[in-house]
N, C-alpha and C. Protein backbone atom coordinates (compact mmCIF):
# COMPACT_ATOMS: atom_id res chain seq x y z
N UNK A 1 -38.41 -33.25 -102.15
CA UNK A 1 -38.32 -32.03 -101.39
C UNK A 1 -36.91 -31.89 -100.83
N UNK A 2 -36.19 -30.92 -101.31
CA UNK A 2 -34.81 -30.66 -100.87
C UNK A 2 -34.84 -29.52 -99.85
N UNK A 3 -34.30 -29.79 -98.67
CA UNK A 3 -34.26 -28.78 -97.62
C UNK A 3 -32.82 -28.63 -97.15
N UNK A 4 -32.39 -27.39 -96.95
CA UNK A 4 -31.05 -27.12 -96.41
C UNK A 4 -31.19 -26.07 -95.33
N UNK A 5 -30.66 -26.39 -94.15
CA UNK A 5 -30.70 -25.45 -93.02
C UNK A 5 -29.29 -25.32 -92.46
N UNK A 6 -28.95 -24.14 -92.00
CA UNK A 6 -27.64 -23.90 -91.38
C UNK A 6 -27.85 -23.60 -89.90
N UNK A 7 -27.03 -24.24 -89.08
CA UNK A 7 -27.10 -24.08 -87.63
C UNK A 7 -25.73 -23.72 -87.08
N UNK A 8 -25.71 -23.04 -85.94
CA UNK A 8 -24.50 -22.78 -85.18
C UNK A 8 -24.64 -23.55 -83.87
N UNK A 9 -23.71 -24.46 -83.61
CA UNK A 9 -23.80 -25.31 -82.42
C UNK A 9 -22.54 -25.16 -81.59
N UNK A 10 -22.73 -24.87 -80.32
CA UNK A 10 -21.59 -24.79 -79.40
C UNK A 10 -21.14 -26.19 -79.01
N UNK A 11 -19.88 -26.30 -78.68
CA UNK A 11 -19.31 -27.59 -78.31
C UNK A 11 -18.15 -27.32 -77.36
N UNK A 12 -18.37 -27.63 -76.08
CA UNK A 12 -17.34 -27.42 -75.08
C UNK A 12 -16.63 -28.70 -74.67
N UNK A 13 -16.95 -29.82 -75.35
CA UNK A 13 -16.37 -31.10 -74.95
C UNK A 13 -15.89 -31.96 -76.12
N UNK A 14 -15.99 -31.46 -77.34
CA UNK A 14 -15.51 -32.24 -78.49
C UNK A 14 -16.51 -33.21 -79.05
N UNK A 15 -17.82 -33.00 -78.81
CA UNK A 15 -18.86 -33.87 -79.35
C UNK A 15 -20.05 -33.05 -79.85
N UNK A 16 -20.63 -33.48 -80.95
CA UNK A 16 -21.94 -33.02 -81.38
C UNK A 16 -22.82 -34.25 -81.53
N UNK A 17 -24.13 -34.02 -81.57
CA UNK A 17 -25.06 -35.14 -81.68
C UNK A 17 -26.30 -34.72 -82.46
N UNK A 18 -26.90 -35.70 -83.09
CA UNK A 18 -28.20 -35.58 -83.70
C UNK A 18 -29.10 -36.54 -82.94
N UNK A 19 -30.23 -36.04 -82.45
CA UNK A 19 -31.05 -36.87 -81.57
C UNK A 19 -32.52 -36.73 -81.92
N UNK A 20 -33.24 -37.83 -81.88
CA UNK A 20 -34.70 -37.80 -81.90
C UNK A 20 -35.11 -37.62 -80.45
N UNK A 21 -35.30 -36.38 -80.04
CA UNK A 21 -35.55 -36.07 -78.63
C UNK A 21 -36.89 -36.58 -78.15
N UNK A 22 -37.75 -37.01 -79.05
CA UNK A 22 -39.03 -37.60 -78.66
C UNK A 22 -38.86 -39.07 -78.25
N UNK A 23 -37.87 -39.74 -78.82
CA UNK A 23 -37.65 -41.16 -78.53
C UNK A 23 -36.49 -41.40 -77.56
N UNK A 24 -35.53 -40.49 -77.54
CA UNK A 24 -34.33 -40.65 -76.73
C UNK A 24 -34.67 -40.48 -75.25
N UNK A 25 -34.27 -41.45 -74.46
CA UNK A 25 -34.44 -41.38 -73.01
C UNK A 25 -33.15 -40.82 -72.41
N UNK A 26 -33.16 -39.56 -72.02
CA UNK A 26 -31.94 -38.89 -71.63
C UNK A 26 -31.45 -39.18 -70.22
N UNK A 27 -32.36 -39.40 -69.29
CA UNK A 27 -31.96 -39.51 -67.89
C UNK A 27 -31.23 -40.82 -67.62
N UNK A 28 -30.06 -40.72 -66.97
CA UNK A 28 -29.26 -41.87 -66.58
C UNK A 28 -29.25 -42.00 -65.06
N UNK A 29 -28.95 -40.93 -64.36
CA UNK A 29 -28.89 -40.90 -62.90
C UNK A 29 -27.96 -39.79 -62.45
N UNK A 30 -28.19 -39.31 -61.25
CA UNK A 30 -27.40 -38.20 -60.74
C UNK A 30 -25.92 -38.56 -60.56
N UNK A 31 -25.63 -39.84 -60.44
CA UNK A 31 -24.25 -40.26 -60.18
C UNK A 31 -23.62 -40.97 -61.38
N UNK A 32 -24.02 -40.60 -62.60
CA UNK A 32 -23.45 -41.26 -63.77
C UNK A 32 -21.94 -41.03 -63.84
N UNK A 33 -21.28 -41.96 -64.48
CA UNK A 33 -19.85 -41.82 -64.76
C UNK A 33 -19.69 -41.74 -66.27
N UNK A 34 -18.52 -41.39 -66.72
CA UNK A 34 -18.27 -41.34 -68.16
C UNK A 34 -18.56 -42.70 -68.80
N UNK A 35 -18.15 -43.78 -68.15
CA UNK A 35 -18.38 -45.12 -68.70
C UNK A 35 -19.86 -45.47 -68.77
N UNK A 36 -20.63 -45.14 -67.72
CA UNK A 36 -22.07 -45.44 -67.77
C UNK A 36 -22.77 -44.57 -68.80
N UNK A 37 -22.32 -43.33 -68.94
CA UNK A 37 -22.91 -42.45 -69.94
C UNK A 37 -22.60 -42.93 -71.35
N UNK A 38 -21.37 -43.34 -71.59
CA UNK A 38 -21.00 -43.85 -72.91
C UNK A 38 -21.80 -45.12 -73.23
N UNK A 39 -22.02 -45.98 -72.24
CA UNK A 39 -22.86 -47.16 -72.45
C UNK A 39 -24.30 -46.75 -72.80
N UNK A 40 -24.80 -45.71 -72.15
CA UNK A 40 -26.13 -45.18 -72.45
C UNK A 40 -26.18 -44.67 -73.89
N UNK A 41 -25.17 -43.95 -74.31
CA UNK A 41 -25.10 -43.45 -75.68
C UNK A 41 -25.04 -44.60 -76.68
N UNK A 42 -24.26 -45.63 -76.38
CA UNK A 42 -24.18 -46.79 -77.29
C UNK A 42 -25.55 -47.44 -77.46
N UNK A 43 -26.29 -47.58 -76.36
CA UNK A 43 -27.63 -48.18 -76.43
C UNK A 43 -28.56 -47.31 -77.27
N UNK A 44 -28.48 -46.00 -77.11
CA UNK A 44 -29.33 -45.10 -77.90
C UNK A 44 -28.95 -45.13 -79.37
N UNK A 45 -27.66 -45.25 -79.67
CA UNK A 45 -27.24 -45.36 -81.07
C UNK A 45 -27.74 -46.67 -81.66
N UNK A 46 -27.73 -47.75 -80.88
CA UNK A 46 -28.25 -49.04 -81.35
C UNK A 46 -29.75 -48.96 -81.62
N UNK A 47 -30.46 -48.15 -80.83
CA UNK A 47 -31.90 -47.95 -81.03
C UNK A 47 -32.20 -46.92 -82.12
N UNK A 48 -31.16 -46.29 -82.62
CA UNK A 48 -31.24 -45.28 -83.68
C UNK A 48 -32.01 -44.03 -83.26
N UNK A 49 -31.88 -43.66 -81.97
CA UNK A 49 -32.45 -42.39 -81.51
C UNK A 49 -31.37 -41.33 -81.31
N UNK A 50 -30.10 -41.70 -81.53
CA UNK A 50 -28.98 -40.79 -81.30
C UNK A 50 -27.83 -41.12 -82.25
N UNK A 51 -27.22 -40.07 -82.78
CA UNK A 51 -25.93 -40.18 -83.47
C UNK A 51 -25.01 -39.18 -82.79
N UNK A 52 -23.94 -39.64 -82.20
CA UNK A 52 -22.99 -38.82 -81.46
C UNK A 52 -21.62 -39.00 -82.09
N UNK A 53 -20.94 -37.87 -82.41
CA UNK A 53 -19.63 -37.97 -83.05
C UNK A 53 -18.68 -36.94 -82.46
N UNK A 54 -17.40 -37.27 -82.56
CA UNK A 54 -16.35 -36.37 -82.10
C UNK A 54 -16.10 -35.27 -83.12
N UNK A 55 -15.80 -34.07 -82.62
CA UNK A 55 -15.55 -32.93 -83.51
C UNK A 55 -14.06 -32.63 -83.69
N UNK A 56 -13.24 -33.17 -82.82
CA UNK A 56 -11.81 -32.92 -82.91
C UNK A 56 -11.30 -31.88 -81.93
N UNK A 57 -12.20 -31.03 -81.43
CA UNK A 57 -11.84 -30.04 -80.43
C UNK A 57 -13.08 -29.24 -80.05
N UNK A 58 -12.95 -28.43 -79.03
CA UNK A 58 -14.04 -27.55 -78.61
C UNK A 58 -14.12 -26.36 -79.56
N UNK A 59 -15.35 -25.93 -79.87
CA UNK A 59 -15.49 -24.78 -80.76
C UNK A 59 -16.97 -24.42 -80.92
N UNK A 60 -17.22 -23.41 -81.69
CA UNK A 60 -18.55 -23.09 -82.19
C UNK A 60 -18.55 -23.58 -83.63
N UNK A 61 -19.42 -24.54 -83.95
CA UNK A 61 -19.40 -25.19 -85.25
C UNK A 61 -20.59 -24.73 -86.10
N UNK A 62 -20.33 -24.56 -87.38
CA UNK A 62 -21.39 -24.31 -88.35
C UNK A 62 -21.74 -25.65 -88.98
N UNK A 63 -23.03 -26.00 -88.91
CA UNK A 63 -23.49 -27.30 -89.38
C UNK A 63 -24.62 -27.07 -90.39
N UNK A 64 -24.44 -27.59 -91.59
CA UNK A 64 -25.51 -27.58 -92.59
C UNK A 64 -26.21 -28.93 -92.55
N UNK A 65 -27.53 -28.89 -92.48
CA UNK A 65 -28.35 -30.09 -92.54
C UNK A 65 -29.07 -30.07 -93.88
N UNK A 66 -28.85 -31.10 -94.66
CA UNK A 66 -29.45 -31.22 -95.99
C UNK A 66 -30.35 -32.44 -95.98
N UNK A 67 -31.60 -32.26 -96.40
CA UNK A 67 -32.56 -33.35 -96.43
C UNK A 67 -32.89 -33.66 -97.89
N UNK A 68 -32.71 -34.91 -98.26
CA UNK A 68 -33.02 -35.38 -99.61
C UNK A 68 -32.37 -34.53 -100.69
N UNK A 69 -31.12 -34.16 -100.44
CA UNK A 69 -30.36 -33.38 -101.42
C UNK A 69 -29.32 -34.24 -102.10
N UNK A 70 -28.42 -33.58 -102.79
CA UNK A 70 -27.33 -34.27 -103.46
C UNK A 70 -26.39 -34.86 -102.42
N UNK A 71 -25.55 -35.78 -102.87
CA UNK A 71 -24.54 -36.35 -101.98
C UNK A 71 -23.67 -35.23 -101.42
N UNK A 72 -23.22 -35.37 -100.17
CA UNK A 72 -22.41 -34.31 -99.58
C UNK A 72 -21.04 -34.22 -100.26
N UNK A 73 -20.39 -33.08 -100.11
CA UNK A 73 -19.05 -32.93 -100.67
C UNK A 73 -18.06 -33.82 -99.94
N UNK A 74 -16.94 -34.07 -100.58
CA UNK A 74 -15.86 -34.79 -99.91
C UNK A 74 -15.27 -33.87 -98.84
N UNK A 75 -14.70 -34.47 -97.83
CA UNK A 75 -14.14 -33.67 -96.76
C UNK A 75 -12.98 -34.36 -96.08
N UNK A 76 -12.58 -33.81 -94.95
CA UNK A 76 -11.50 -34.35 -94.15
C UNK A 76 -11.82 -35.76 -93.67
N UNK A 77 -13.08 -35.96 -93.22
CA UNK A 77 -13.52 -37.29 -92.80
C UNK A 77 -15.04 -37.34 -92.91
N UNK A 78 -15.52 -38.57 -93.07
CA UNK A 78 -16.96 -38.75 -93.18
C UNK A 78 -17.36 -40.10 -92.60
N UNK A 79 -18.62 -40.17 -92.20
CA UNK A 79 -19.17 -41.40 -91.65
C UNK A 79 -20.65 -41.45 -91.99
N UNK A 80 -21.22 -42.63 -91.89
CA UNK A 80 -22.65 -42.82 -92.20
C UNK A 80 -23.29 -43.56 -91.04
N UNK A 81 -24.44 -43.09 -90.62
CA UNK A 81 -25.22 -43.75 -89.57
C UNK A 81 -26.69 -43.68 -89.90
N UNK A 82 -27.51 -44.26 -89.05
CA UNK A 82 -28.96 -44.24 -89.23
C UNK A 82 -29.62 -43.62 -88.02
N UNK A 83 -30.70 -42.89 -88.28
CA UNK A 83 -31.49 -42.33 -87.20
C UNK A 83 -32.96 -42.45 -87.57
N UNK A 84 -33.77 -42.76 -86.58
CA UNK A 84 -35.22 -42.92 -86.76
C UNK A 84 -35.91 -41.65 -86.28
N UNK A 85 -36.77 -41.08 -87.10
CA UNK A 85 -37.57 -39.92 -86.72
C UNK A 85 -38.95 -40.44 -86.34
N UNK A 86 -39.36 -40.19 -85.10
CA UNK A 86 -40.63 -40.76 -84.60
C UNK A 86 -41.74 -39.73 -84.43
N UNK A 87 -41.39 -38.44 -84.33
CA UNK A 87 -42.42 -37.42 -84.08
C UNK A 87 -42.17 -36.15 -84.88
N UNK A 88 -41.60 -36.29 -86.07
CA UNK A 88 -41.49 -35.18 -86.99
C UNK A 88 -40.40 -34.17 -86.71
N UNK A 89 -39.45 -34.49 -85.82
CA UNK A 89 -38.38 -33.55 -85.52
C UNK A 89 -37.09 -34.28 -85.17
N UNK A 90 -35.97 -33.60 -85.44
CA UNK A 90 -34.67 -33.99 -84.92
C UNK A 90 -34.05 -32.75 -84.28
N UNK A 91 -33.07 -33.00 -83.44
CA UNK A 91 -32.43 -31.93 -82.67
C UNK A 91 -30.92 -32.09 -82.77
N UNK A 92 -30.25 -31.06 -83.23
CA UNK A 92 -28.79 -31.00 -83.22
C UNK A 92 -28.41 -30.50 -81.84
N UNK A 93 -27.51 -31.20 -81.16
CA UNK A 93 -27.17 -30.81 -79.80
C UNK A 93 -25.71 -31.12 -79.50
N UNK A 94 -25.33 -30.92 -78.26
CA UNK A 94 -23.94 -31.13 -77.86
C UNK A 94 -23.89 -32.02 -76.62
N UNK A 95 -22.68 -32.40 -76.27
CA UNK A 95 -22.44 -33.27 -75.12
C UNK A 95 -22.93 -32.64 -73.82
N UNK A 96 -22.75 -31.33 -73.69
CA UNK A 96 -23.16 -30.64 -72.47
C UNK A 96 -24.66 -30.80 -72.21
N UNK A 97 -25.45 -30.63 -73.25
CA UNK A 97 -26.90 -30.79 -73.11
C UNK A 97 -27.27 -32.24 -72.81
N UNK A 98 -26.59 -33.17 -73.46
CA UNK A 98 -26.85 -34.59 -73.18
C UNK A 98 -26.50 -34.95 -71.74
N UNK A 99 -25.43 -34.37 -71.20
CA UNK A 99 -25.06 -34.68 -69.81
C UNK A 99 -26.03 -34.05 -68.81
N UNK A 100 -26.56 -32.88 -69.13
CA UNK A 100 -27.57 -32.27 -68.25
C UNK A 100 -28.81 -33.15 -68.20
N UNK A 101 -29.26 -33.64 -69.35
CA UNK A 101 -30.42 -34.54 -69.38
C UNK A 101 -30.10 -35.86 -68.69
N UNK A 102 -28.85 -36.30 -68.76
CA UNK A 102 -28.46 -37.55 -68.13
C UNK A 102 -28.47 -37.44 -66.60
N UNK A 103 -28.11 -36.28 -66.09
CA UNK A 103 -27.97 -36.10 -64.65
C UNK A 103 -29.25 -35.67 -63.94
N UNK A 104 -30.08 -34.92 -64.64
CA UNK A 104 -31.27 -34.35 -63.99
C UNK A 104 -32.54 -34.81 -64.69
N UNK A 105 -33.39 -35.52 -63.97
CA UNK A 105 -34.61 -36.09 -64.54
C UNK A 105 -35.57 -35.02 -65.06
N UNK A 106 -35.45 -33.80 -64.56
CA UNK A 106 -36.36 -32.74 -65.00
C UNK A 106 -35.81 -31.91 -66.17
N UNK A 107 -34.64 -32.28 -66.71
CA UNK A 107 -34.09 -31.61 -67.89
C UNK A 107 -34.46 -32.45 -69.10
N UNK A 108 -35.16 -31.83 -70.03
CA UNK A 108 -35.61 -32.52 -71.23
C UNK A 108 -35.03 -31.83 -72.46
N UNK A 109 -34.73 -32.64 -73.45
CA UNK A 109 -34.19 -32.12 -74.71
C UNK A 109 -35.34 -31.73 -75.63
N UNK A 110 -35.20 -30.66 -76.37
CA UNK A 110 -34.10 -29.70 -76.31
C UNK A 110 -34.24 -28.77 -75.13
N UNK A 111 -33.10 -28.38 -74.57
CA UNK A 111 -33.13 -27.38 -73.51
C UNK A 111 -33.63 -26.07 -74.12
N UNK A 112 -34.28 -25.22 -73.31
CA UNK A 112 -34.88 -23.99 -73.86
C UNK A 112 -33.91 -23.13 -74.69
N UNK A 113 -32.65 -23.03 -74.28
CA UNK A 113 -31.70 -22.19 -75.02
C UNK A 113 -31.21 -22.84 -76.32
N UNK A 114 -31.61 -24.09 -76.57
CA UNK A 114 -31.21 -24.78 -77.80
C UNK A 114 -32.39 -25.11 -78.72
N UNK A 115 -33.53 -24.49 -78.48
CA UNK A 115 -34.73 -24.72 -79.29
C UNK A 115 -34.48 -24.42 -80.78
N UNK A 116 -33.59 -23.49 -81.06
CA UNK A 116 -33.34 -23.12 -82.45
C UNK A 116 -32.54 -24.18 -83.21
N UNK A 117 -32.14 -25.25 -82.53
CA UNK A 117 -31.41 -26.35 -83.19
C UNK A 117 -32.32 -27.54 -83.48
N UNK A 118 -33.63 -27.33 -83.44
CA UNK A 118 -34.61 -28.36 -83.77
C UNK A 118 -35.12 -28.08 -85.18
N UNK A 119 -35.28 -29.15 -85.95
CA UNK A 119 -35.83 -28.98 -87.30
C UNK A 119 -36.85 -30.07 -87.60
N UNK A 120 -37.76 -29.74 -88.49
CA UNK A 120 -38.87 -30.63 -88.86
C UNK A 120 -38.41 -31.62 -89.92
N UNK A 121 -38.96 -32.83 -89.84
CA UNK A 121 -38.62 -33.90 -90.77
C UNK A 121 -39.75 -34.91 -90.73
N UNK A 122 -40.07 -35.49 -91.86
CA UNK A 122 -41.10 -36.54 -91.87
C UNK A 122 -40.62 -37.75 -91.07
N UNK A 123 -41.56 -38.44 -90.45
CA UNK A 123 -41.22 -39.65 -89.71
C UNK A 123 -40.64 -40.70 -90.66
N UNK A 124 -39.74 -41.50 -90.14
CA UNK A 124 -39.16 -42.59 -90.92
C UNK A 124 -37.70 -42.80 -90.56
N UNK A 125 -37.11 -43.76 -91.23
CA UNK A 125 -35.70 -44.08 -91.06
C UNK A 125 -34.88 -43.24 -92.03
N UNK A 126 -33.81 -42.65 -91.53
CA UNK A 126 -32.94 -41.82 -92.35
C UNK A 126 -31.51 -42.32 -92.29
N UNK A 127 -30.89 -42.32 -93.44
CA UNK A 127 -29.46 -42.56 -93.56
C UNK A 127 -28.82 -41.18 -93.43
N UNK A 128 -27.90 -41.03 -92.49
CA UNK A 128 -27.28 -39.73 -92.23
C UNK A 128 -25.80 -39.82 -92.53
N UNK A 129 -25.36 -39.08 -93.53
CA UNK A 129 -23.94 -39.00 -93.84
C UNK A 129 -23.41 -37.70 -93.23
N UNK A 130 -22.40 -37.85 -92.40
CA UNK A 130 -21.80 -36.70 -91.71
C UNK A 130 -20.40 -36.49 -92.29
N UNK A 131 -20.17 -35.28 -92.80
CA UNK A 131 -18.86 -34.94 -93.36
C UNK A 131 -18.31 -33.75 -92.59
N UNK A 132 -17.11 -33.91 -92.07
CA UNK A 132 -16.36 -32.78 -91.50
C UNK A 132 -15.44 -32.30 -92.62
N UNK A 133 -15.69 -31.09 -93.11
CA UNK A 133 -15.04 -30.63 -94.33
C UNK A 133 -13.55 -30.41 -94.19
N UNK A 134 -13.10 -29.90 -93.04
CA UNK A 134 -11.67 -29.59 -92.87
C UNK A 134 -11.14 -30.24 -91.59
N UNK A 135 -9.85 -30.44 -91.55
CA UNK A 135 -9.19 -30.91 -90.35
C UNK A 135 -9.46 -29.88 -89.24
N UNK A 136 -9.99 -30.31 -88.08
CA UNK A 136 -10.31 -29.34 -87.04
C UNK A 136 -9.08 -28.61 -86.50
N UNK A 137 -7.89 -29.12 -86.75
CA UNK A 137 -6.67 -28.45 -86.28
C UNK A 137 -6.18 -27.37 -87.25
N UNK A 138 -6.75 -27.32 -88.46
CA UNK A 138 -6.35 -26.28 -89.42
C UNK A 138 -6.86 -24.92 -88.97
N UNK A 139 -6.05 -23.92 -89.14
CA UNK A 139 -6.49 -22.57 -88.77
C UNK A 139 -7.51 -22.02 -89.76
N UNK A 140 -7.35 -22.35 -91.03
CA UNK A 140 -8.30 -21.93 -92.06
C UNK A 140 -9.36 -23.02 -92.19
N UNK A 141 -10.61 -22.68 -91.83
CA UNK A 141 -11.67 -23.67 -91.89
C UNK A 141 -12.71 -23.27 -92.92
N UNK A 142 -13.30 -24.28 -93.51
CA UNK A 142 -14.39 -24.05 -94.45
C UNK A 142 -15.66 -23.74 -93.67
N UNK A 143 -16.60 -23.07 -94.32
CA UNK A 143 -17.92 -22.88 -93.76
C UNK A 143 -18.88 -23.54 -94.73
N UNK A 144 -19.63 -24.51 -94.30
CA UNK A 144 -19.79 -24.97 -92.92
C UNK A 144 -18.65 -25.90 -92.50
N UNK A 145 -18.62 -26.19 -91.19
CA UNK A 145 -17.65 -27.15 -90.68
C UNK A 145 -18.10 -28.58 -90.95
N UNK A 146 -19.41 -28.81 -90.79
CA UNK A 146 -20.01 -30.13 -90.98
C UNK A 146 -21.18 -30.03 -91.94
N UNK A 147 -21.35 -31.07 -92.76
CA UNK A 147 -22.55 -31.23 -93.58
C UNK A 147 -23.18 -32.55 -93.18
N UNK A 148 -24.44 -32.50 -92.75
CA UNK A 148 -25.21 -33.70 -92.41
C UNK A 148 -26.25 -33.87 -93.50
N UNK A 149 -26.13 -34.94 -94.27
CA UNK A 149 -27.07 -35.21 -95.36
C UNK A 149 -27.97 -36.36 -94.94
N UNK A 150 -29.25 -36.06 -94.83
CA UNK A 150 -30.25 -37.05 -94.41
C UNK A 150 -31.05 -37.48 -95.61
N UNK A 151 -31.14 -38.79 -95.82
CA UNK A 151 -31.91 -39.34 -96.93
C UNK A 151 -32.79 -40.47 -96.42
N UNK A 152 -34.03 -40.46 -96.84
CA UNK A 152 -34.93 -41.54 -96.43
C UNK A 152 -34.43 -42.85 -97.02
N UNK A 153 -34.67 -43.91 -96.32
CA UNK A 153 -34.24 -45.20 -96.84
C UNK A 153 -33.96 -46.19 -95.76
N UNK A 154 -33.30 -47.22 -96.16
CA UNK A 154 -33.02 -48.32 -95.24
C UNK A 154 -31.89 -47.94 -94.29
N UNK A 155 -31.91 -48.59 -93.15
CA UNK A 155 -30.91 -48.34 -92.11
C UNK A 155 -29.59 -48.98 -92.47
N UNK A 156 -28.52 -48.36 -92.00
CA UNK A 156 -27.20 -48.97 -92.06
C UNK A 156 -26.90 -49.52 -90.67
N UNK A 157 -25.84 -50.25 -90.56
CA UNK A 157 -25.45 -50.85 -89.27
C UNK A 157 -25.37 -49.77 -88.19
N UNK A 158 -25.98 -49.99 -87.02
CA UNK A 158 -25.90 -48.99 -85.95
C UNK A 158 -24.46 -48.78 -85.49
N UNK A 159 -24.20 -47.57 -85.04
CA UNK A 159 -22.87 -47.26 -84.53
C UNK A 159 -22.66 -47.97 -83.20
N UNK A 160 -21.48 -48.54 -83.02
CA UNK A 160 -21.11 -49.17 -81.74
C UNK A 160 -20.35 -48.18 -80.86
N UNK A 161 -19.70 -47.22 -81.49
CA UNK A 161 -18.93 -46.19 -80.80
C UNK A 161 -19.15 -44.87 -81.53
N UNK A 162 -19.02 -43.75 -80.83
CA UNK A 162 -19.09 -42.48 -81.53
C UNK A 162 -17.90 -42.34 -82.49
N UNK A 163 -18.16 -42.08 -83.77
CA UNK A 163 -17.04 -41.87 -84.69
C UNK A 163 -16.20 -40.68 -84.25
N UNK A 164 -14.91 -40.79 -84.54
CA UNK A 164 -13.94 -39.73 -84.32
C UNK A 164 -13.78 -39.38 -82.84
N UNK A 165 -14.15 -40.31 -81.99
CA UNK A 165 -14.02 -40.12 -80.55
C UNK A 165 -12.65 -40.61 -80.13
N UNK A 166 -11.93 -39.75 -79.48
CA UNK A 166 -10.59 -40.11 -79.00
C UNK A 166 -10.68 -40.30 -77.50
N UNK A 167 -10.67 -41.56 -77.07
CA UNK A 167 -10.85 -41.88 -75.65
C UNK A 167 -9.68 -41.44 -74.81
């Protein structure tokens, strides 16, 4: 079963994420710091409930999600991670939404205004290849900006840091 969906995701902080919002524990505390939040993200990536990556700048990004399709095209940069689907859905989101869930115990993912970034997927472990097609600093950009190819299978090494994150 080959599925391809196109999403538009806002990004005001230079990060996008793919999250199993059913397994991901978003709340950190009202007084989180960037360091405690990054540690929280690292733990979630190790548990394979979150994949968080840098986009290169703030923007509105077009993201294609391909399930069990052909290998993604070559691009400016690419990375591979693993994510576990536990309740039949994944959610494409941004850093802003993750920080709201981190700070407020009553904010749950997906936030109501981001419901359209949730998609259905069979439960299981997925290998996720993320390709950013063009250099984010180029004025001429390809559409989509990112291709996320999800394939069922064995897990790869969990991410220790968000790829393409410039501290």
